[in-house]
Protein backbone atom coordinates (compact mmCIF):
# COMPACT_ATOMS: atom_id res chain seq x y z
CA MET A 1 18.54 -6.57 -2.23
CA SER A 2 18.62 -5.26 -5.81
CA LEU A 3 16.34 -6.08 -8.79
CA THR A 4 17.74 -5.12 -12.22
CA GLY A 5 15.65 -5.22 -15.27
CA VAL A 6 13.34 -8.02 -13.94
CA ARG A 7 10.85 -9.24 -16.52
CA LYS A 8 8.36 -12.12 -16.23
CA ASN A 9 6.46 -13.57 -19.15
CA PHE A 10 3.65 -16.17 -19.15
CA GLY A 11 3.57 -17.39 -22.72
CA THR A 12 3.11 -14.26 -24.82
CA ALA A 13 1.80 -12.21 -21.92
CA THR A 14 4.29 -9.87 -20.14
CA VAL A 15 3.49 -9.54 -16.44
CA LEU A 16 6.60 -7.67 -15.28
CA HIS A 17 8.15 -5.04 -17.62
CA GLY A 18 11.75 -4.61 -16.56
CA VAL A 19 11.44 -3.80 -12.83
CA ASP A 20 14.42 -2.03 -11.18
CA LEU A 21 14.43 -1.78 -7.40
CA GLU A 22 16.81 -1.39 -4.43
CA VAL A 23 15.83 -2.53 -0.92
CA ALA A 24 18.03 -1.39 1.93
CA ASP A 25 19.00 -3.66 4.84
CA GLY A 26 16.43 -3.55 7.55
CA GLU A 27 13.82 -1.67 5.42
CA PHE A 28 10.14 -2.41 5.39
CA VAL A 29 8.91 -2.09 1.69
CA VAL A 30 5.39 -2.49 0.66
CA PHE A 31 4.29 -3.50 -2.89
CA VAL A 32 0.83 -1.96 -3.46
CA GLY A 33 -1.43 -1.82 -6.46
CA PRO A 34 -4.78 -3.05 -7.84
CA SER A 35 -5.46 -6.67 -8.65
CA GLY A 36 -3.43 -7.98 -11.63
CA CYS A 37 -0.72 -5.30 -11.31
CA GLY A 38 2.00 -7.85 -10.83
CA LYS A 39 2.90 -7.38 -7.15
CA SER A 40 2.45 -11.01 -6.00
CA THR A 41 4.31 -12.17 -9.20
CA LEU A 42 7.14 -9.82 -8.27
CA LEU A 43 7.31 -11.15 -4.75
CA ARG A 44 7.31 -14.79 -5.96
CA THR A 45 10.25 -14.07 -8.36
CA ILE A 46 12.23 -12.62 -5.38
CA ALA A 47 11.37 -15.77 -3.43
CA GLY A 48 12.40 -18.11 -6.22
CA LEU A 49 8.95 -19.55 -6.72
CA GLU A 50 8.81 -18.08 -10.25
CA GLU A 51 11.65 -17.97 -12.72
CA VAL A 52 12.50 -14.60 -14.17
CA SER A 53 12.39 -14.29 -17.97
CA ALA A 54 15.13 -11.68 -17.94
CA GLY A 55 17.03 -9.52 -15.44
CA THR A 56 18.81 -10.30 -12.24
CA ILE A 57 18.07 -10.57 -8.57
CA ALA A 58 20.91 -9.99 -6.01
CA ILE A 59 20.70 -10.48 -2.25
CA ASP A 60 23.60 -9.21 -0.12
CA GLY A 61 25.47 -8.55 -3.31
CA VAL A 62 25.19 -12.16 -4.57
CA ASP A 63 23.26 -12.94 -7.73
CA VAL A 64 20.62 -15.43 -6.68
CA THR A 65 18.64 -15.25 -9.94
CA GLY A 66 19.31 -18.98 -10.79
CA LEU A 67 19.13 -20.37 -7.24
CA PRO A 68 16.11 -22.34 -6.05
CA ALA A 69 13.91 -20.91 -3.30
CA SER A 70 15.44 -23.19 -0.70
CA GLU A 71 18.83 -21.71 -1.13
CA ARG A 72 17.97 -17.93 -1.04
CA GLY A 73 17.79 -17.57 2.68
CA LEU A 74 14.30 -16.15 2.64
CA ALA A 75 11.10 -16.86 4.56
CA MET A 76 7.68 -16.32 3.12
CA VAL A 77 4.24 -15.86 4.82
CA PHE A 78 1.27 -16.49 2.57
CA GLN A 79 -2.33 -15.31 2.61
CA SER A 80 -3.43 -18.77 3.65
CA TYR A 81 -1.78 -19.86 7.01
CA ALA A 82 -0.74 -23.26 5.46
CA LEU A 83 -0.27 -24.85 8.89
CA TYR A 84 0.03 -28.55 9.46
CA PRO A 85 -3.28 -29.41 11.07
CA HIS A 86 -2.08 -32.55 12.90
CA MET A 87 0.88 -30.80 14.51
CA SER A 88 1.01 -28.52 17.56
CA VAL A 89 1.95 -24.88 17.33
CA TYR A 90 5.44 -25.76 18.69
CA ALA A 91 5.86 -28.61 16.02
CA ASN A 92 4.63 -26.25 13.19
CA MET A 93 7.24 -23.69 14.12
CA ALA A 94 10.01 -26.24 14.65
CA PHE A 95 9.43 -28.35 11.58
CA ALA A 96 11.61 -26.37 9.04
CA LEU A 97 14.48 -26.25 11.53
CA GLU A 98 14.32 -29.96 12.13
CA ASN A 99 14.55 -30.48 8.33
CA MET A 100 17.49 -28.12 8.18
CA GLY A 101 19.34 -30.26 10.73
CA PHE A 102 19.29 -27.93 13.74
CA LYS A 103 20.00 -29.36 17.14
CA ARG A 104 17.17 -29.73 19.59
CA ASP A 105 18.35 -27.11 22.07
CA GLU A 106 18.80 -24.52 19.30
CA ILE A 107 15.28 -25.39 17.92
CA ASP A 108 13.75 -24.98 21.31
CA ARG A 109 15.51 -21.60 21.92
CA ARG A 110 14.35 -20.22 18.49
CA VAL A 111 10.74 -21.42 18.86
CA LYS A 112 10.35 -20.10 22.39
CA ARG A 113 11.91 -16.72 21.41
CA ALA A 114 9.46 -16.37 18.50
CA ALA A 115 6.52 -17.47 20.65
CA THR A 116 7.42 -14.84 23.23
CA MET A 117 7.51 -12.13 20.53
CA LEU A 118 4.17 -13.16 19.10
CA ARG A 119 2.43 -13.90 22.43
CA LEU A 120 2.02 -17.56 21.58
CA THR A 121 3.80 -19.05 24.60
CA ASP A 122 0.46 -20.28 26.19
CA TYR A 123 -0.64 -21.96 22.94
CA LEU A 124 2.47 -24.02 22.01
CA GLU A 125 0.78 -27.33 22.64
CA ARG A 126 -2.41 -26.46 20.86
CA LYS A 127 -3.41 -27.66 17.30
CA PRO A 128 -4.26 -25.07 14.69
CA LYS A 129 -8.02 -25.82 14.91
CA ALA A 130 -7.97 -24.68 18.57
CA LEU A 131 -6.66 -21.17 17.47
CA SER A 132 -8.30 -18.08 16.20
CA GLY A 133 -7.57 -16.70 12.81
CA GLY A 134 -5.20 -14.01 14.16
CA GLN A 135 -3.34 -16.63 16.26
CA ARG A 136 -2.90 -18.88 13.22
CA GLN A 137 -1.49 -16.07 11.29
CA ARG A 138 0.88 -15.33 14.10
CA VAL A 139 2.01 -18.96 14.08
CA ALA A 140 2.67 -18.62 10.33
CA ILE A 141 4.79 -15.51 10.98
CA GLY A 142 6.52 -17.35 13.88
CA ARG A 143 7.47 -20.16 11.48
CA ALA A 144 9.24 -17.58 9.35
CA ILE A 145 10.94 -15.85 12.37
CA VAL A 146 12.54 -18.99 13.65
CA ARG A 147 14.45 -19.47 10.35
CA ASP A 148 16.24 -16.18 10.92
CA PRO A 149 15.99 -15.28 7.21
CA LYS A 150 17.84 -12.64 5.20
CA ILE A 151 14.46 -11.24 4.09
CA PHE A 152 10.84 -11.75 5.22
CA LEU A 153 8.32 -11.88 2.36
CA PHE A 154 4.59 -11.33 3.11
CA ASP A 155 1.93 -12.10 0.54
CA GLU A 156 -1.21 -10.30 1.63
CA PRO A 157 -0.94 -12.07 5.08
CA LEU A 158 -3.97 -10.20 6.65
CA SER A 159 -6.52 -10.70 3.92
CA ASN A 160 -8.24 -13.58 5.61
CA LEU A 161 -8.85 -11.72 8.89
CA ASP A 162 -11.75 -9.52 9.78
CA ALA A 163 -11.41 -5.72 9.95
CA GLU A 164 -10.76 -5.42 13.71
CA LEU A 165 -8.22 -8.25 13.70
CA ARG A 166 -6.46 -6.83 10.62
CA VAL A 167 -5.84 -3.58 12.54
CA ALA A 168 -4.61 -5.43 15.63
CA THR A 169 -2.32 -7.74 13.65
CA ARG A 170 -0.99 -4.79 11.53
CA LYS A 171 0.20 -3.19 14.76
CA GLU A 172 1.87 -6.34 15.80
CA LEU A 173 3.64 -6.58 12.47
CA ALA A 174 4.85 -3.00 12.82
CA ALA A 175 6.17 -3.70 16.41
CA LEU A 176 7.72 -6.91 15.19
CA HIS A 177 9.75 -5.13 12.51
CA ALA A 178 10.81 -2.50 15.08
CA GLU A 179 12.08 -5.43 17.35
CA LEU A 180 13.70 -7.68 14.69
CA GLY A 181 15.18 -4.99 12.49
CA GLY A 182 14.91 -7.38 9.58
CA THR A 183 14.26 -6.58 5.95
CA MET A 184 10.67 -7.10 5.08
CA ILE A 185 8.78 -6.96 1.75
CA TYR A 186 5.03 -6.95 2.03
CA VAL A 187 2.38 -7.27 -0.66
CA THR A 188 -1.12 -5.71 -0.29
CA HIS A 189 -3.89 -4.16 -2.31
CA ASP A 190 -4.97 -2.15 0.76
CA GLN A 191 -3.33 1.23 0.56
CA VAL A 192 -4.06 2.03 4.25
CA GLU A 193 -2.02 -1.07 5.24
CA ALA A 194 0.69 0.30 2.94
CA MET A 195 0.65 3.70 4.49
CA THR A 196 0.71 2.57 8.03
CA LEU A 197 3.38 -0.18 7.69
CA ALA A 198 5.92 0.93 5.03
CA ASP A 199 9.23 2.76 5.28
CA ARG A 200 8.80 2.96 1.43
CA ILE A 201 5.93 2.08 -0.81
CA VAL A 202 6.28 0.74 -4.30
CA VAL A 203 3.19 1.59 -6.41
CA LEU A 204 2.69 -0.89 -9.27
CA ARG A 205 0.36 -0.80 -12.23
CA ALA A 206 0.27 -3.35 -15.11
CA GLY A 207 3.69 -4.76 -14.20
CA ARG A 208 5.46 -1.39 -14.02
CA ILE A 209 6.57 0.75 -11.12
CA GLU A 210 4.68 4.05 -11.10
CA GLN A 211 6.38 5.58 -8.18
CA ILE A 212 8.62 4.70 -5.12
CA GLY A 213 8.68 6.76 -1.96
CA THR A 214 7.78 7.14 1.75
CA PRO A 215 4.03 7.08 2.48
CA LEU A 216 4.03 10.91 3.00
CA GLU A 217 6.12 11.52 -0.17
CA LEU A 218 3.49 9.66 -2.25
CA TYR A 219 0.69 11.32 -0.41
CA ASN A 220 2.10 14.84 -0.74
CA ARG A 221 3.66 14.73 -4.14
CA PRO A 222 2.13 11.94 -6.37
CA ASP A 223 3.93 11.73 -9.68
CA ASN A 224 0.85 10.97 -11.69
CA LEU A 225 -2.93 10.60 -11.79
CA PHE A 226 -2.79 6.96 -11.00
CA VAL A 227 -0.73 7.35 -7.80
CA ALA A 228 -2.78 10.41 -6.81
CA GLY A 229 -6.08 8.43 -7.08
CA PHE A 230 -4.64 5.29 -5.44
CA ILE A 231 -2.89 6.72 -2.44
CA GLY A 232 -5.18 8.30 0.21
CA SER A 233 -8.62 7.36 1.66
CA PRO A 234 -11.06 8.58 0.58
CA ARG A 235 -9.26 9.03 -2.75
CA MET A 236 -8.22 12.44 -4.10
CA ASN A 237 -10.83 14.47 -5.96
CA LEU A 238 -9.68 14.62 -9.57
CA LEU A 239 -11.42 17.43 -11.54
CA PRO A 240 -10.95 18.09 -15.31
CA GLY A 241 -10.40 21.62 -16.39
CA ARG A 242 -8.34 24.00 -18.49
CA VAL A 243 -5.66 26.49 -18.01
CA ALA A 244 -7.33 30.01 -18.24
CA ARG A 245 -4.07 31.82 -18.00
CA PRO A 246 -0.79 31.50 -16.04
CA GLY A 247 -1.73 30.85 -12.43
CA ALA A 248 -5.41 30.08 -12.97
CA VAL A 249 -7.48 26.98 -14.01
CA THR A 250 -11.18 26.87 -14.85
CA LEU A 251 -13.42 23.95 -13.80
CA GLY A 252 -16.90 22.68 -14.78
CA GLU A 253 -19.70 24.06 -16.92
CA VAL A 254 -19.82 27.17 -14.74
CA GLY A 255 -16.25 27.92 -15.53
CA HIS A 256 -15.28 28.38 -11.91
CA GLU A 257 -11.75 29.85 -11.72
CA VAL A 258 -9.27 28.37 -9.24
CA ALA A 259 -5.95 30.01 -8.40
CA CYS A 260 -3.27 27.37 -9.08
CA GLU A 261 0.34 27.20 -10.24
CA THR A 262 0.32 26.06 -13.87
CA GLY A 263 3.99 25.77 -14.58
CA GLY A 264 4.76 26.29 -18.31
CA LEU A 265 1.32 25.06 -19.56
CA ALA A 266 -0.24 27.27 -22.22
CA ALA A 267 -3.76 28.84 -21.90
CA GLY A 268 -6.35 26.40 -23.12
CA ALA A 269 -4.34 23.26 -22.18
CA GLY A 270 -6.39 20.46 -20.74
CA VAL A 271 -5.56 19.61 -17.14
CA THR A 272 -6.70 17.65 -14.13
CA LEU A 273 -6.91 19.52 -10.75
CA GLY A 274 -6.44 17.27 -7.69
CA VAL A 275 -7.45 18.04 -4.19
CA ARG A 276 -7.89 15.67 -1.30
CA PRO A 277 -11.26 15.52 0.64
CA GLU A 278 -9.59 16.67 3.88
CA HIS A 279 -8.32 19.81 2.22
CA LEU A 280 -11.77 21.06 1.09
CA ALA A 281 -14.11 23.05 3.33
CA PRO A 282 -17.30 25.14 2.95
CA ALA A 283 -16.15 28.57 1.73
CA VAL A 284 -16.46 31.67 3.86
CA GLN A 285 -19.13 34.09 2.41
CA GLY A 286 -19.90 31.73 -0.51
CA ALA A 287 -16.78 32.49 -2.48
CA GLY A 288 -15.95 29.04 -3.85
CA LEU A 289 -16.91 26.23 -6.22
CA PRO A 290 -20.70 25.74 -6.23
CA LEU A 291 -21.77 22.32 -4.95
CA THR A 292 -25.15 20.68 -4.22
CA ILE A 293 -24.85 18.03 -1.45
CA GLU A 294 -26.11 14.63 -2.58
CA LEU A 295 -25.11 12.46 0.37
CA ILE A 296 -23.90 12.90 3.89
CA GLU A 297 -22.13 10.37 6.20
CA GLN A 298 -22.08 11.24 9.76
CA LEU A 299 -19.48 9.17 11.69
CA GLY A 300 -19.45 11.26 14.88
CA GLY A 301 -15.85 12.34 14.91
CA GLU A 302 -15.96 13.30 11.28
CA SER A 303 -18.36 13.77 8.47
CA TYR A 304 -18.23 12.96 4.72
CA LEU A 305 -20.07 15.06 2.25
CA TYR A 306 -20.61 14.03 -1.35
CA GLY A 307 -21.79 16.66 -3.84
CA ALA A 308 -22.30 17.55 -7.42
CA SER A 309 -21.05 20.53 -9.45
CA ALA A 310 -22.10 20.98 -13.06
CA GLY A 311 -19.69 19.24 -15.48
CA LEU A 312 -17.60 17.68 -12.75
CA PRO A 313 -17.40 14.24 -11.29
CA GLN A 314 -18.72 13.74 -7.75
CA ILE A 315 -16.75 15.70 -5.08
CA THR A 316 -16.03 14.46 -1.59
CA LEU A 317 -15.29 16.53 1.43
CA ARG A 318 -14.10 15.19 4.80
CA LEU A 319 -14.92 17.50 7.58
CA GLU A 320 -13.92 17.35 11.33
CA GLY A 321 -16.78 16.64 13.75
CA GLN A 322 -20.45 16.72 12.92
CA CYS A 323 -21.90 19.03 10.35
CA ALA A 324 -25.27 20.77 10.16
CA HIS A 325 -25.68 20.48 6.36
CA ALA A 326 -28.38 18.27 4.88
CA ARG A 327 -28.96 16.58 1.55
CA GLY A 328 -29.88 19.02 -1.18
CA HIS A 329 -28.13 21.98 0.44
CA ALA A 330 -26.23 24.22 -1.89
CA ILE A 331 -22.81 25.26 -0.60
CA ALA A 332 -19.67 26.79 -2.02
CA VAL A 333 -16.33 24.98 -1.54
CA ALA A 334 -12.98 26.61 -0.97
CA MET A 335 -9.80 25.05 -2.59
CA PRO A 336 -6.75 26.27 -0.84
CA GLN A 337 -3.95 26.73 -3.29
CA GLN A 338 -1.27 25.23 -1.16
CA HIS A 339 -3.05 21.88 -1.23
CA LEU A 340 -3.74 21.67 -4.92
CA HIS A 341 -2.14 19.21 -7.38
CA LEU A 342 -2.12 19.72 -11.17
CA PHE A 343 -1.61 17.10 -13.82
CA ASP A 344 -1.18 17.61 -17.55
CA GLU A 345 -3.18 15.93 -20.37
CA ALA A 346 -0.77 12.92 -20.19
CA GLY A 347 -1.51 12.49 -16.49
CA LYS A 348 1.88 13.64 -15.23
CA ALA A 349 2.25 15.98 -12.22
CA VAL A 350 3.13 19.59 -13.08
CA ARG A 351 5.95 20.49 -10.93
CA ILE A 352 6.95 24.11 -10.18
């Protein structure tokens, strides 16, 4: 599938600003971004539920921009289950195939195959009200599977589930993709969902693509401050500073100097230094950024420390296991150079 210059306007407001995107056959692509970034609108334009204001959408090399949703060969799973309450699970999954004129034995084969994949065989005669939330969502996914679509479209399908069920259903979706091998496009605001499911992630902000890449590409080499702050949990520490000289940046009111590749930036240039919480640790022999601990979260297998350093925003550390520090303790924090990210005044990553 390819999108070329796709724009979407609602009156005078532009929601999508010329989106270009290629999705390979069998790929699992996740659209991620904050509320209002245009990810659901982009999915709906692909589905044919919204008309594009400009640009083209092609599926299998065929321009489908002007085709209605019913003729694009796609299947969509929504945030709400949208099941027919008076129909059994079997009837819900078979309904679209009946309307498409499939023979009864083919309908039966497809429904039972999907039910086996989704572990719904024992529930085919139940009504939706007799199912749990996770089972209802699996029925909604099964209704898409039986149609054997060219592309599966998912619009935040796990949002209505509780935390434990979301994790379980997320694993099922990943296994389903591995088994079916179909092309899947998935919308979420949850970057953990994006990181765990996607072959590639498309990060959107205000109707524009900020970066496209594999989860680890976005994690290891964010192109800008927005992507750096959005991908990763807890979010990356982003600390304002200035270039002291080539290869060194100063931070905070104490002017703490950090060894860092500065590219071609001149001395005195404003920068933002990025470092992830898991890459920080208390410094050996106190040689590091001074930090006063304000809060500690002990989770057993890991600990989160939140601290303050003069002139800097709150700094988060993630440590393995349990820590002996307490609120109010003063520590020094080491910043390994190999894990540092530098961004210029425009918010762009400084590449070496």
